[in-house]
Amino acid sequence: MIVYFETDIQTLYNLIGQSVWHLQHLENVLSMVTAMKILQKERDRGSKVTEDICLRALEKQRGFTLGPLISAAKREQTIPSILLERFDHLLQERNWLIHKCVINEFLSLRSATRKQVLFDRISSFVDETIALKNEINEILEKWYESVGYDLDYANQIAKETVREAEQR
């Protein structure tokens, strides 16, 4: 019979929840910046980009999980080369967390040392996911302004959208 401490299980669940939450935020910002770069290329070619086309491009990117998102971002040169290795490592860690963690680590909670290594590995994943999300968001903002968009206006619209959503 395997006996776990309830606090260890709760810590593990909290860490996994944080991982998934922050991973989705990273995927969201990566899909947004990649969709915007694709759409800007269309504009630069002289194509008319309607709201419907924008929404479809964004939805297509949002339909991807991290691996295909990274591939699309590489293709569109969304991710600067200096970050590519970090994204590749994050993808390996994500695949371990989502597909292999339970299989590889099911006994780790029985050992104080292995438990701490497990918790530290997941915490590192969370930290790197947040850091990469912030870096991609900064890249998005700089790119957005560099092509002539008004970031202050975009932020104003975002705040109004959040305010409206909070009132629902």
Protein backbone atom coordinates (compact mmCIF):
# COMPACT_ATOMS: atom_id res chain seq x y z
CA MET A 1 0.00 0.00 0.00
CA ILE A 2 1.37 3.40 -1.01
CA VAL A 3 0.87 6.17 1.51
CA TYR A 4 1.32 9.78 0.48
CA PHE A 5 1.09 12.86 2.60
CA GLU A 6 -1.94 14.88 1.61
CA THR A 7 0.17 18.06 1.49
CA ASP A 8 2.52 16.43 -1.04
CA ILE A 9 -0.38 15.49 -3.29
CA GLN A 10 -1.81 19.00 -2.99
CA THR A 11 1.58 20.54 -3.77
CA LEU A 12 1.92 18.32 -6.84
CA TYR A 13 -1.56 19.18 -8.07
CA ASN A 14 -0.98 22.88 -7.49
CA LEU A 15 2.30 22.79 -9.41
CA ILE A 16 0.75 20.90 -12.31
CA GLY A 17 -2.17 23.34 -12.35
CA GLN A 18 0.21 26.31 -12.41
CA SER A 19 2.14 24.64 -15.22
CA VAL A 20 -0.92 24.16 -17.39
CA TRP A 21 -2.26 27.65 -16.61
CA HIS A 22 0.97 29.43 -17.51
CA LEU A 23 1.57 27.19 -20.52
CA GLN A 24 -1.81 28.23 -21.92
CA HIS A 25 -0.89 31.89 -21.44
CA LEU A 26 2.38 31.32 -23.31
CA GLU A 27 0.57 29.47 -26.09
CA ASN A 28 -1.91 32.33 -26.33
CA VAL A 29 0.68 35.08 -26.70
CA LEU A 30 2.71 32.96 -29.13
CA SER A 31 -0.37 32.31 -31.26
CA MET A 32 -1.30 36.00 -31.21
CA VAL A 33 2.10 37.27 -32.33
CA THR A 34 2.43 34.58 -34.99
CA ALA A 35 -1.06 35.29 -36.35
CA MET A 36 -0.32 39.01 -36.41
CA LYS A 37 2.93 38.46 -38.32
CA ILE A 38 1.14 36.24 -40.85
CA LEU A 39 -1.56 38.87 -41.28
CA GLN A 40 0.99 41.67 -41.64
CA LYS A 41 2.70 39.73 -44.44
CA GLU A 42 -0.68 39.53 -46.18
CA ARG A 43 -1.13 43.29 -45.80
CA ASP A 44 2.39 43.91 -47.09
CA ARG A 45 1.53 41.84 -50.20
CA GLY A 46 -1.44 44.14 -50.76
CA SER A 47 -4.14 41.74 -49.60
CA LYS A 48 -7.18 43.16 -47.86
CA VAL A 49 -7.29 41.75 -44.33
CA THR A 50 -10.81 41.74 -42.95
CA GLU A 51 -11.92 41.10 -39.38
CA ASP A 52 -13.10 37.64 -40.43
CA ILE A 53 -9.70 36.79 -41.93
CA CYS A 54 -8.01 38.01 -38.74
CA LEU A 55 -10.25 35.93 -36.51
CA ARG A 56 -9.71 32.82 -38.65
CA ALA A 57 -5.92 33.28 -38.61
CA LEU A 58 -5.95 33.70 -34.83
CA GLU A 59 -8.23 30.69 -34.32
CA LYS A 60 -5.99 28.58 -36.53
CA GLN A 61 -2.96 29.47 -34.40
CA ARG A 62 -4.92 28.96 -31.17
CA GLY A 63 -5.81 25.48 -32.36
CA PHE A 64 -2.18 24.41 -32.09
CA THR A 65 -0.52 22.98 -29.01
CA LEU A 66 2.99 24.05 -28.04
CA GLY A 67 4.95 21.91 -30.52
CA PRO A 68 3.08 23.02 -33.66
CA LEU A 69 2.95 26.57 -32.30
CA ILE A 70 6.72 26.65 -31.96
CA SER A 71 7.06 25.26 -35.50
CA ALA A 72 4.74 27.95 -36.87
CA ALA A 73 6.55 30.64 -34.88
CA LYS A 74 9.91 29.45 -36.24
CA ARG A 75 8.53 29.47 -39.79
CA GLU A 76 7.17 33.01 -39.33
CA GLN A 77 10.30 34.11 -37.44
CA THR A 78 8.24 35.04 -34.40
CA ILE A 79 10.78 33.60 -31.98
CA PRO A 80 14.18 35.29 -32.07
CA SER A 81 17.02 32.85 -32.63
CA ILE A 82 18.38 33.61 -29.15
CA LEU A 83 15.22 32.06 -27.64
CA LEU A 84 14.91 29.01 -29.90
CA GLU A 85 16.94 26.70 -27.67
CA ARG A 86 14.88 27.70 -24.63
CA PHE A 87 11.64 27.00 -26.49
CA ASP A 88 12.91 23.61 -27.66
CA HIS A 89 13.87 22.72 -24.08
CA LEU A 90 10.51 23.97 -22.79
CA LEU A 91 8.76 21.74 -25.33
CA GLN A 92 10.73 18.72 -24.07
CA GLU A 93 9.76 19.58 -20.50
CA ARG A 94 6.13 20.10 -21.50
CA ASN A 95 6.06 16.71 -23.21
CA TRP A 96 7.57 15.10 -20.11
CA LEU A 97 5.05 16.85 -17.84
CA ILE A 98 1.98 16.05 -19.93
CA HIS A 99 2.91 12.60 -21.27
CA LYS A 100 5.57 11.04 -19.04
CA CYS A 101 5.51 12.56 -15.56
CA VAL A 102 3.04 10.11 -14.07
CA ILE A 103 4.77 7.14 -15.67
CA ASN A 104 8.28 8.25 -14.75
CA GLU A 105 7.60 9.82 -11.37
CA PHE A 106 4.80 7.80 -9.77
CA LEU A 107 7.07 6.71 -6.91
CA SER A 108 8.80 10.05 -6.39
CA LEU A 109 6.45 11.15 -3.62
CA ARG A 110 7.71 8.23 -1.51
CA SER A 111 11.23 9.67 -1.33
CA ALA A 112 11.96 13.10 0.14
CA THR A 113 14.87 13.66 -2.26
CA ARG A 114 13.06 12.49 -5.41
CA LYS A 115 9.93 14.39 -4.38
CA GLN A 116 11.91 17.62 -4.08
CA VAL A 117 13.58 17.02 -7.45
CA LEU A 118 10.14 16.50 -9.00
CA PHE A 119 8.70 19.63 -7.39
CA ASP A 120 11.75 21.66 -8.42
CA ARG A 121 11.53 20.43 -12.02
CA ILE A 122 7.89 21.40 -12.31
CA SER A 123 8.55 24.76 -10.59
CA SER A 124 11.37 25.43 -13.06
CA PHE A 125 8.97 24.68 -15.91
CA VAL A 126 6.50 27.21 -14.48
CA ASP A 127 9.23 29.84 -14.07
CA GLU A 128 10.56 29.35 -17.61
CA THR A 129 7.06 29.40 -19.08
CA ILE A 130 6.34 32.73 -17.39
CA ALA A 131 9.71 34.16 -18.46
CA LEU A 132 9.22 33.13 -22.10
CA LYS A 133 5.66 34.45 -22.11
CA ASN A 134 6.91 37.82 -20.86
CA GLU A 135 9.68 37.91 -23.46
CA ILE A 136 7.31 37.04 -26.32
CA ASN A 137 4.81 39.58 -25.05
CA GLU A 138 7.55 42.24 -25.07
CA ILE A 139 8.50 41.22 -28.61
CA LEU A 140 4.83 41.48 -29.61
CA GLU A 141 4.55 44.96 -28.16
CA LYS A 142 7.74 46.18 -29.87
CA TRP A 143 6.74 44.66 -33.18
CA TYR A 144 3.23 46.06 -32.86
CA GLU A 145 4.60 49.58 -32.45
CA SER A 146 7.28 49.10 -35.13
CA VAL A 147 4.66 48.47 -37.81
CA GLY A 148 2.77 51.61 -36.82
CA TYR A 149 0.09 50.42 -34.45
CA ASP A 150 -0.85 52.43 -31.36
CA LEU A 151 -0.08 50.28 -28.32
CA ASP A 152 -1.73 52.74 -25.94
CA TYR A 153 -4.96 52.50 -27.91
CA ALA A 154 -4.74 48.69 -27.93
CA ASN A 155 -4.21 48.69 -24.16
CA GLN A 156 -7.20 50.99 -23.72
CA ILE A 157 -9.38 48.60 -25.72
CA ALA A 158 -8.06 45.66 -23.68
CA LYS A 159 -8.89 47.41 -20.40
CA GLU A 160 -12.39 48.22 -21.62
CA THR A 161 -12.89 44.61 -22.68
CA VAL A 162 -11.78 43.36 -19.26
CA ARG A 163 -14.04 45.88 -17.52
CA GLU A 164 -17.02 44.76 -19.62
CA ALA A 165 -16.25 41.10 -18.94
CA GLU A 166 -16.07 41.76 -15.18
CA GLN A 167 -19.53 43.35 -15.27
CA ARG A 168 -21.17 40.31 -16.86
